[in-house]
Protein backbone atom coordinates (compact mmCIF):
# COMPACT_ATOMS: atom_id res chain seq x y z
CA UNK A 1 6.05 65.04 -27.84
CA UNK A 2 5.19 61.87 -29.53
CA UNK A 3 3.89 61.37 -33.07
CA UNK A 4 0.36 62.09 -32.00
CA UNK A 5 0.39 65.47 -30.02
CA UNK A 6 2.97 68.84 -31.43
CA UNK A 7 3.24 71.45 -28.70
CA UNK A 8 4.13 75.03 -30.14
CA UNK A 9 4.62 78.70 -29.54
CA UNK A 10 5.74 81.82 -31.55
CA UNK A 11 6.52 85.15 -30.90
CA UNK A 12 7.40 88.08 -33.00
CA UNK A 13 8.02 91.66 -32.47
CA UNK A 14 8.66 94.80 -34.84
CA UNK A 15 7.26 98.54 -35.78
CA UNK A 16 10.47 100.42 -33.97
CA UNK A 17 8.87 103.44 -36.37
CA UNK A 18 9.18 101.91 -39.77
CA UNK A 19 5.20 101.30 -40.34
CA UNK A 20 4.20 101.01 -37.54
CA UNK A 21 5.13 101.87 -33.73
CA UNK A 22 4.94 98.47 -31.64
CA UNK A 23 4.09 95.29 -33.59
CA UNK A 24 3.43 91.71 -31.46
CA UNK A 25 2.02 88.95 -32.02
CA UNK A 26 2.13 85.54 -30.16
CA UNK A 27 0.50 82.14 -30.53
CA UNK A 28 0.41 78.73 -28.91
CA UNK A 29 -1.08 75.57 -29.25
CA UNK A 30 -0.93 72.17 -29.44
CA UNK A 31 -2.09 69.34 -32.55
CA UNK A 32 -3.25 66.66 -31.90
CA UNK A 33 -3.37 64.44 -34.60
CA UNK A 34 -7.03 62.09 -34.39
CA UNK A 35 -5.71 60.07 -37.69
CA UNK A 36 -3.27 60.34 -40.58
CA UNK A 37 -5.13 63.26 -42.38
CA UNK A 38 -7.05 64.65 -39.70
CA UNK A 39 -5.59 67.33 -36.84
CA UNK A 40 -7.15 69.30 -34.15
CA UNK A 41 -5.95 72.06 -32.96
CA UNK A 42 -6.23 74.13 -29.70
CA UNK A 43 -4.59 77.55 -28.98
CA UNK A 44 -4.56 80.98 -27.56
CA UNK A 45 -3.34 84.13 -29.87
CA UNK A 46 -2.48 87.85 -29.00
CA UNK A 47 -1.82 90.25 -31.50
CA UNK A 48 -1.11 93.98 -30.79
CA UNK A 49 -0.49 96.97 -32.49
CA UNK A 50 0.20 100.88 -32.09
CA UNK A 51 0.72 102.96 -35.28
CA UNK A 52 0.81 106.96 -35.17
CA UNK A 53 0.85 109.21 -38.11
CA UNK A 54 1.91 112.77 -37.74
CA UNK A 55 0.36 116.04 -39.89
CA UNK A 56 -2.91 114.25 -40.41
CA UNK A 57 -4.97 116.99 -42.38
CA UNK A 58 -8.88 116.65 -42.18
CA UNK A 59 -10.74 119.72 -44.22
CA UNK A 60 -8.87 122.35 -41.85
CA UNK A 61 -7.67 120.94 -38.65
CA UNK A 62 -4.04 118.88 -38.53
CA UNK A 63 -3.93 116.06 -36.47
CA UNK A 64 -1.66 113.04 -35.53
CA UNK A 65 -3.65 110.19 -36.06
CA UNK A 66 -3.00 107.24 -33.57
CA UNK A 67 -4.27 103.81 -34.00
CA UNK A 68 -4.15 101.32 -31.60
CA UNK A 69 -5.61 97.35 -31.32
CA UNK A 70 -5.18 94.61 -29.29
CA UNK A 71 -7.20 91.54 -30.31
CA UNK A 72 -6.78 88.19 -28.69
CA UNK A 73 -8.42 84.77 -27.58
CA UNK A 74 -8.74 81.08 -27.67
CA UNK A 75 -7.94 79.01 -31.18
CA UNK A 76 -9.31 76.35 -32.69
CA UNK A 77 -9.44 75.10 -36.02
CA UNK A 78 -9.61 71.51 -37.97
CA UNK A 79 -6.86 70.28 -40.44
CA UNK A 80 -5.92 68.34 -43.29
CA UNK A 81 -2.23 67.15 -42.97
CA UNK A 82 -0.82 65.05 -45.79
């Protein structure tokens, strides 16, 4: 836009059975340069992953371990750019 504003978006995806089954993250934010060495960031972020591990032994039980989590929310930051 101009030298005082910077808008950016980021998306990453992975997993595919190597480490995790699904691994996704997305982020969008706007940086406002208030002064020469002061910056404010406003944005939103989402992270989702699913991990499946077969043949987990707990005592005498055999089970498949599934861990799944989705996190999302606003992002506020103060930066000191040089």
